[in-house]
Amino acid sequence: MKLLIQKLSYIFFMLLLISLISFLAIHAAPNSFFAAGELNPNMTQEALAKLKAVYGLDKPLYKQYLDWITHLMQLDFGVSFVSGQEVTTEILHRIGVTLSMNFISLVAVFGISLYLGIKAALYNNTTLDYIIRQISLVSFAMPSFYLALLFIILFALNLHLFPIAGLHSVDVEKGFAYYTDMVWHLVLPVSVMIFVGLGSMIIYIRSLTLEILKSDYYYFARSRGLDKVQLLRIYILPNLLPPIITLLGLSLPGLIGGSVILEAIFGIEGMGQLFYSSAMSRDYPVIMGILIITAFLTLLGNMIADMILLRLNPYMNRQ
């Protein structure tokens, strides 16, 4: 219980620090939400001043931040400058698809990387190991936006197997077909996220497994006549899981950040696309809301990874 309180206190402190840095960085960026109006010759300075007063942008920066953080404590992210809707409503409308894409990608990357990494290590310096290493290197070097364009050209435009963009077809009504159609639209972007995430993870797991295979306790286990399944279950996997879980926790920001590009390319109405459009229009409340929620999910994921590690390592649990 004490450890949980410490973790939650750490999350609260980090969110406060992230919010302050993000708030200052956003307002330090060139241009503002009123940039277009300032260039409009028909827009008077008095009108601009009234608009800034309506949105609270006429106050000193520190007072704007204090007002924003006060509302945040009440779980009020404010109102979007562009749509006029509650920021919470806009994010809740889009967060489901983004989290689904990232969760599926994370699970798939974990499972595929674990299988291929161990396989490559067990068949070290063979043709199979060489093929897996080449796949991981291509994955590691492949930009997500470039692979997304290749997938669109090949599977959508040439082969007509998957939709080009969007979440739903125009003529699909609510029901089972509606969700099946949504899954079909997500195949390409999720496949891109999985392939791009495999590279570093396969290399990392392969290296860890090779170290285990060279260890004294593994040689001792083999001398006892244990079969491959027992060696894998008792000696390899338990020693692989702690560092892999730590790496997965650290990979969350990259996965969530990568969905911003992919959602923009595939026209998916998720948090990534909302963040991109909000950043272009300098919609400060929406930008801050997405940043805070993303930071919270990342910190929460790292905390869950730490708690899992404590369960896997009895010594750490006693500490």
Protein backbone atom coordinates (compact mmCIF):
# COMPACT_ATOMS: atom_id res chain seq x y z
CA MET A 1 0.00 0.00 0.00
CA LYS A 2 2.85 2.35 0.87
CA LEU A 3 4.50 1.65 -2.47
CA LEU A 4 1.24 2.32 -4.33
CA ILE A 5 0.88 5.70 -2.59
CA GLN A 6 4.46 6.55 -3.55
CA LYS A 7 3.80 5.65 -7.17
CA LEU A 8 0.60 7.70 -7.31
CA SER A 9 2.40 10.67 -5.72
CA TYR A 10 5.12 10.36 -8.33
CA ILE A 11 2.52 10.33 -11.13
CA PHE A 12 0.86 13.44 -9.68
CA PHE A 13 4.17 15.31 -9.44
CA MET A 14 5.24 14.31 -12.96
CA LEU A 15 1.87 15.32 -14.43
CA LEU A 16 2.21 18.72 -12.77
CA LEU A 17 5.73 19.14 -14.16
CA ILE A 18 4.73 17.93 -17.65
CA SER A 19 1.73 20.25 -17.70
CA LEU A 20 3.89 23.27 -16.82
CA ILE A 21 6.55 22.49 -19.44
CA SER A 22 3.93 21.71 -22.11
CA PHE A 23 1.95 24.86 -21.35
CA LEU A 24 5.05 27.07 -21.66
CA ALA A 25 6.25 25.29 -24.81
CA ILE A 26 2.88 25.60 -26.57
CA HIS A 27 2.54 29.29 -25.84
CA ALA A 28 6.16 29.90 -26.84
CA ALA A 29 5.50 28.50 -30.34
CA PRO A 30 5.19 31.07 -33.15
CA ASN A 31 1.72 32.26 -34.20
CA SER A 32 -1.41 31.78 -32.15
CA PHE A 33 -5.06 30.84 -32.55
CA PHE A 34 -5.73 34.41 -33.69
CA ALA A 35 -2.98 34.48 -36.33
CA ALA A 36 -5.45 34.37 -39.23
CA GLY A 37 -7.54 37.13 -37.68
CA GLU A 38 -4.50 39.33 -37.14
CA LEU A 39 -3.75 39.13 -40.88
CA ASN A 40 -7.34 39.95 -41.83
CA PRO A 41 -7.58 43.66 -42.68
CA ASN A 42 -11.28 43.66 -41.74
CA MET A 43 -10.54 42.46 -38.20
CA THR A 44 -10.02 45.42 -35.88
CA GLN A 45 -7.73 45.40 -32.86
CA GLU A 46 -10.74 45.98 -30.62
CA ALA A 47 -12.45 42.86 -31.97
CA LEU A 48 -9.28 40.79 -31.47
CA ALA A 49 -8.95 42.10 -27.92
CA LYS A 50 -12.54 41.08 -27.14
CA LEU A 51 -11.96 37.59 -28.56
CA LYS A 52 -8.82 37.16 -26.49
CA ALA A 53 -10.73 38.26 -23.42
CA VAL A 54 -13.46 35.68 -24.16
CA TYR A 55 -10.88 32.85 -24.33
CA GLY A 56 -8.84 34.20 -21.40
CA LEU A 57 -5.77 34.82 -23.55
CA ASP A 58 -5.52 38.46 -22.48
CA LYS A 59 -4.29 37.46 -19.02
CA PRO A 60 -0.60 37.03 -18.06
CA LEU A 61 0.77 33.59 -18.90
CA TYR A 62 1.16 32.50 -15.27
CA LYS A 63 -2.49 33.40 -14.55
CA GLN A 64 -3.64 31.46 -17.62
CA TYR A 65 -1.76 28.41 -16.33
CA LEU A 66 -3.17 28.76 -12.80
CA ASP A 67 -6.70 29.03 -14.20
CA TRP A 68 -6.13 25.99 -16.40
CA ILE A 69 -4.61 23.85 -13.62
CA THR A 70 -7.46 24.84 -11.27
CA HIS A 71 -10.03 23.61 -13.78
CA LEU A 72 -7.95 20.48 -14.42
CA MET A 73 -8.16 19.56 -10.72
CA GLN A 74 -11.92 19.44 -11.29
CA LEU A 75 -11.39 17.25 -14.40
CA ASP A 76 -12.42 20.17 -16.59
CA PHE A 77 -10.16 20.47 -19.65
CA GLY A 78 -11.94 23.56 -20.94
CA VAL A 79 -13.64 24.29 -24.25
CA SER A 80 -12.15 23.88 -27.72
CA PHE A 81 -11.42 27.16 -29.49
CA VAL A 82 -12.27 25.63 -32.87
CA SER A 83 -15.41 23.54 -32.30
CA GLY A 84 -16.75 25.16 -29.16
CA GLN A 85 -17.30 21.72 -27.61
CA GLU A 86 -16.00 20.46 -24.28
CA VAL A 87 -12.46 19.12 -24.66
CA THR A 88 -13.42 16.09 -22.54
CA THR A 89 -16.26 15.25 -24.96
CA GLU A 90 -13.99 15.49 -28.02
CA ILE A 91 -11.29 13.33 -26.46
CA LEU A 92 -13.71 10.69 -25.16
CA HIS A 93 -15.21 10.49 -28.65
CA ARG A 94 -11.81 9.66 -30.16
CA ILE A 95 -9.72 8.00 -27.44
CA GLY A 96 -11.28 4.54 -27.87
CA VAL A 97 -9.92 3.87 -31.36
CA THR A 98 -6.45 5.20 -30.47
CA LEU A 99 -6.17 3.07 -27.32
CA SER A 100 -7.49 0.01 -29.20
CA MET A 101 -4.88 0.43 -31.95
CA ASN A 102 -2.06 0.87 -29.44
CA PHE A 103 -3.18 -2.01 -27.21
CA ILE A 104 -3.47 -4.44 -30.12
CA SER A 105 -0.09 -3.31 -31.45
CA LEU A 106 1.57 -3.67 -28.05
CA VAL A 107 0.24 -7.19 -27.48
CA ALA A 108 1.13 -8.29 -31.02
CA VAL A 109 4.63 -6.79 -30.85
CA PHE A 110 5.22 -8.53 -27.52
CA GLY A 111 4.05 -11.95 -28.73
CA ILE A 112 5.72 -11.89 -32.17
CA SER A 113 9.00 -10.44 -30.87
CA LEU A 114 9.16 -12.97 -28.06
CA TYR A 115 8.68 -15.86 -30.47
CA LEU A 116 11.07 -14.62 -33.18
CA GLY A 117 13.72 -13.36 -30.72
CA ILE A 118 13.91 -16.68 -28.87
CA LYS A 119 13.79 -18.61 -32.15
CA ALA A 120 16.69 -16.59 -33.57
CA ALA A 121 18.77 -17.16 -30.43
CA LEU A 122 18.09 -20.90 -30.29
CA TYR A 123 19.13 -21.21 -33.95
CA ASN A 124 22.02 -18.77 -33.69
CA ASN A 125 24.14 -18.27 -36.84
CA THR A 126 21.78 -20.33 -39.00
CA THR A 127 19.73 -19.33 -42.03
CA LEU A 128 16.66 -18.85 -39.83
CA ASP A 129 18.59 -16.53 -37.51
CA TYR A 130 19.86 -14.55 -40.49
CA ILE A 131 16.33 -14.12 -41.93
CA ILE A 132 14.89 -12.98 -38.57
CA ARG A 133 17.74 -10.51 -38.08
CA GLN A 134 17.20 -9.03 -41.53
CA ILE A 135 13.47 -8.65 -40.85
CA SER A 136 14.22 -6.89 -37.55
CA LEU A 137 16.74 -4.55 -39.20
CA VAL A 138 14.28 -3.60 -41.95
CA SER A 139 11.61 -3.00 -39.30
CA PHE A 140 14.00 -0.91 -37.18
CA ALA A 141 15.00 1.30 -40.13
CA MET A 142 11.54 1.66 -41.71
CA PRO A 143 9.75 4.99 -41.10
CA SER A 144 6.09 4.44 -40.24
CA PHE A 145 4.80 7.08 -42.68
CA TYR A 146 6.73 5.54 -45.59
CA LEU A 147 5.52 2.02 -44.81
CA ALA A 148 1.96 3.35 -44.50
CA LEU A 149 2.15 4.85 -47.99
CA LEU A 150 3.57 1.58 -49.38
CA PHE A 151 0.73 -0.40 -47.79
CA ILE A 152 -1.88 2.00 -49.18
CA ILE A 153 -0.42 1.78 -52.70
CA LEU A 154 -0.05 -2.01 -52.63
CA PHE A 155 -3.04 -3.31 -50.66
CA ALA A 156 -5.58 -0.53 -51.21
CA LEU A 157 -4.92 0.99 -54.63
CA ASN A 158 -3.42 -1.95 -56.54
CA LEU A 159 -4.89 -5.07 -54.93
CA HIS A 160 -8.09 -3.43 -53.58
CA LEU A 161 -7.98 -5.63 -50.47
CA PHE A 162 -8.39 -2.94 -47.81
CA PRO A 163 -9.91 0.55 -47.60
CA ILE A 164 -7.62 3.52 -48.20
CA ALA A 165 -8.65 5.61 -45.21
CA GLY A 166 -11.31 6.29 -42.61
CA LEU A 167 -12.96 4.10 -39.99
CA HIS A 168 -16.22 3.14 -41.68
CA SER A 169 -17.68 2.67 -45.13
CA VAL A 170 -20.44 5.08 -46.16
CA ASP A 171 -23.20 2.49 -46.62
CA VAL A 172 -22.66 0.45 -43.43
CA GLU A 173 -25.32 0.71 -40.71
CA LYS A 174 -24.98 0.06 -36.98
CA GLY A 175 -24.68 -3.58 -36.01
CA PHE A 176 -22.25 -6.46 -36.35
CA ALA A 177 -21.31 -5.44 -39.90
CA TYR A 178 -20.53 -1.94 -38.64
CA TYR A 179 -17.83 -3.17 -36.25
CA THR A 180 -16.53 -5.75 -38.72
CA ASP A 181 -16.13 -2.95 -41.25
CA MET A 182 -14.27 -0.85 -38.66
CA VAL A 183 -11.86 -3.72 -37.97
CA TRP A 184 -11.29 -4.07 -41.72
CA HIS A 185 -10.40 -0.36 -41.93
CA LEU A 186 -7.91 -0.72 -39.05
CA VAL A 187 -5.97 -3.66 -40.54
CA LEU A 188 -3.48 -1.51 -42.48
CA PRO A 189 -2.65 1.09 -39.79
CA VAL A 190 -2.35 -1.54 -37.06
CA SER A 191 -0.15 -3.69 -39.32
CA VAL A 192 2.15 -0.72 -39.86
CA MET A 193 2.37 -0.09 -36.10
CA ILE A 194 3.16 -3.75 -35.43
CA PHE A 195 5.84 -4.08 -38.10
CA VAL A 196 7.59 -0.84 -37.13
CA GLY A 197 7.59 -1.86 -33.46
CA LEU A 198 9.11 -5.32 -34.03
CA GLY A 199 12.67 -4.36 -34.98
CA SER A 200 14.27 -3.20 -31.75
CA MET A 201 12.27 -5.65 -29.64
CA ILE A 202 13.39 -8.73 -31.63
CA ILE A 203 17.04 -7.65 -31.46
CA TYR A 204 16.75 -7.00 -27.72
CA ILE A 205 15.09 -10.35 -26.94
CA ARG A 206 17.57 -12.23 -29.12
CA SER A 207 20.50 -10.66 -27.26
CA LEU A 208 18.99 -11.42 -23.85
CA THR A 209 18.26 -15.02 -24.83
CA LEU A 210 21.81 -15.54 -26.09
CA GLU A 211 23.13 -14.35 -22.71
CA ILE A 212 20.86 -16.84 -20.93
CA LEU A 213 21.97 -19.67 -23.22
CA LYS A 214 25.60 -18.94 -22.28
CA SER A 215 24.91 -18.89 -18.53
CA ASP A 216 26.10 -21.56 -16.10
CA TYR A 217 22.64 -22.35 -14.75
CA TYR A 218 21.38 -23.07 -18.28
CA TYR A 219 24.28 -25.48 -18.93
CA PHE A 220 23.54 -27.14 -15.59
CA ALA A 221 19.86 -27.49 -16.52
CA ARG A 222 20.76 -29.07 -19.86
CA SER A 223 23.10 -31.52 -18.11
CA ARG A 224 20.15 -32.70 -16.02
CA GLY A 225 18.45 -33.83 -19.23
CA LEU A 226 15.60 -31.33 -19.33
CA ASP A 227 13.83 -31.07 -22.69
CA LYS A 228 13.48 -27.84 -24.72
CA VAL A 229 9.99 -27.06 -23.43
CA GLN A 230 11.08 -27.31 -19.79
CA LEU A 231 14.20 -25.23 -20.46
CA LEU A 232 12.09 -22.57 -22.12
CA ARG A 233 9.40 -22.52 -19.41
CA ILE A 234 11.63 -22.73 -16.33
CA TYR A 235 14.87 -21.00 -17.32
CA ILE A 236 14.49 -18.81 -20.41
CA LEU A 237 11.09 -17.11 -20.08
CA PRO A 238 11.31 -16.21 -16.34
CA ASN A 239 14.64 -14.47 -16.97
CA LEU A 240 13.39 -12.73 -20.12
CA LEU A 241 10.14 -11.26 -18.81
CA PRO A 242 11.43 -8.60 -16.34
CA PRO A 243 13.60 -6.64 -18.82
CA ILE A 244 11.02 -7.06 -21.61
CA ILE A 245 8.20 -5.69 -19.43
CA THR A 246 10.42 -2.74 -18.51
CA LEU A 247 11.10 -2.07 -22.19
CA LEU A 248 7.41 -2.33 -23.06
CA GLY A 249 6.60 0.25 -20.40
CA LEU A 250 9.18 2.60 -21.88
CA SER A 251 7.84 1.95 -25.40
CA LEU A 252 4.37 3.34 -24.66
CA PRO A 253 5.20 6.98 -25.51
CA GLY A 254 6.61 5.93 -28.89
CA LEU A 255 3.53 3.88 -29.76
CA ILE A 256 1.10 6.62 -28.79
CA GLY A 257 3.20 9.27 -30.54
CA GLY A 258 3.45 7.13 -33.68
CA SER A 259 -0.33 6.93 -33.96
CA VAL A 260 -0.42 10.71 -34.55
CA ILE A 261 1.26 10.28 -37.95
CA LEU A 262 -0.65 7.15 -38.92
CA GLU A 263 -4.05 8.53 -37.99
CA ALA A 264 -3.34 11.60 -40.11
CA ILE A 265 -2.26 9.45 -43.09
CA PHE A 266 -5.14 6.96 -42.85
CA GLY A 267 -7.75 9.59 -41.97
CA ILE A 268 -8.69 7.88 -38.70
CA GLU A 269 -10.65 10.03 -36.28
CA GLY A 270 -8.58 9.26 -33.21
CA MET A 271 -6.62 11.25 -30.68
CA GLY A 272 -3.63 11.44 -33.01
CA GLN A 273 -5.56 13.16 -35.78
CA LEU A 274 -7.24 15.45 -33.26
CA PHE A 275 -3.86 16.41 -31.81
CA TYR A 276 -2.45 17.14 -35.27
CA SER A 277 -5.36 19.35 -36.33
CA SER A 278 -5.38 21.10 -32.94
CA ALA A 279 -1.65 21.80 -33.17
CA MET A 280 -2.07 23.28 -36.64
CA SER A 281 -4.87 25.59 -35.46
CA ARG A 282 -3.23 26.33 -32.07
CA ASP A 283 -6.26 25.02 -30.18
CA TYR A 284 -4.55 25.25 -26.78
CA PRO A 285 -7.19 23.52 -24.57
CA VAL A 286 -7.37 20.45 -26.83
CA ILE A 287 -3.57 20.22 -27.16
CA MET A 288 -3.10 20.40 -23.39
CA GLY A 289 -5.89 17.91 -22.76
CA ILE A 290 -4.38 15.33 -25.12
CA LEU A 291 -0.87 15.87 -23.76
CA ILE A 292 -2.00 15.39 -20.17
CA ILE A 293 -4.05 12.27 -20.94
CA THR A 294 -1.18 10.79 -22.98
CA ALA A 295 1.28 11.56 -20.19
CA PHE A 296 -1.06 10.00 -17.61
CA LEU A 297 -1.49 6.82 -19.66
CA THR A 298 2.27 6.57 -20.16
CA LEU A 299 3.01 7.04 -16.46
CA LEU A 300 0.23 4.60 -15.56
CA GLY A 301 1.66 2.04 -17.98
CA ASN A 302 5.11 2.41 -16.43
CA MET A 303 3.62 2.02 -12.94
CA ILE A 304 1.79 -1.15 -13.98
CA ALA A 305 5.05 -2.48 -15.48
CA ASP A 306 6.83 -1.78 -12.17
CA MET A 307 4.11 -3.55 -10.20
CA ILE A 308 4.32 -6.58 -12.50
CA LEU A 309 8.09 -6.65 -12.02
CA LEU A 310 7.59 -6.68 -8.25
CA ARG A 311 5.34 -9.71 -8.62
CA LEU A 312 7.83 -11.49 -10.86
CA ASN A 313 10.81 -10.76 -8.62
CA PRO A 314 10.18 -11.92 -5.02
CA TYR A 315 13.38 -10.22 -3.79
CA MET A 316 12.21 -6.83 -5.05
CA ASN A 317 8.82 -7.51 -3.46
CA ARG A 318 10.43 -8.05 -0.04
CA GLN A 319 12.34 -4.81 -0.46
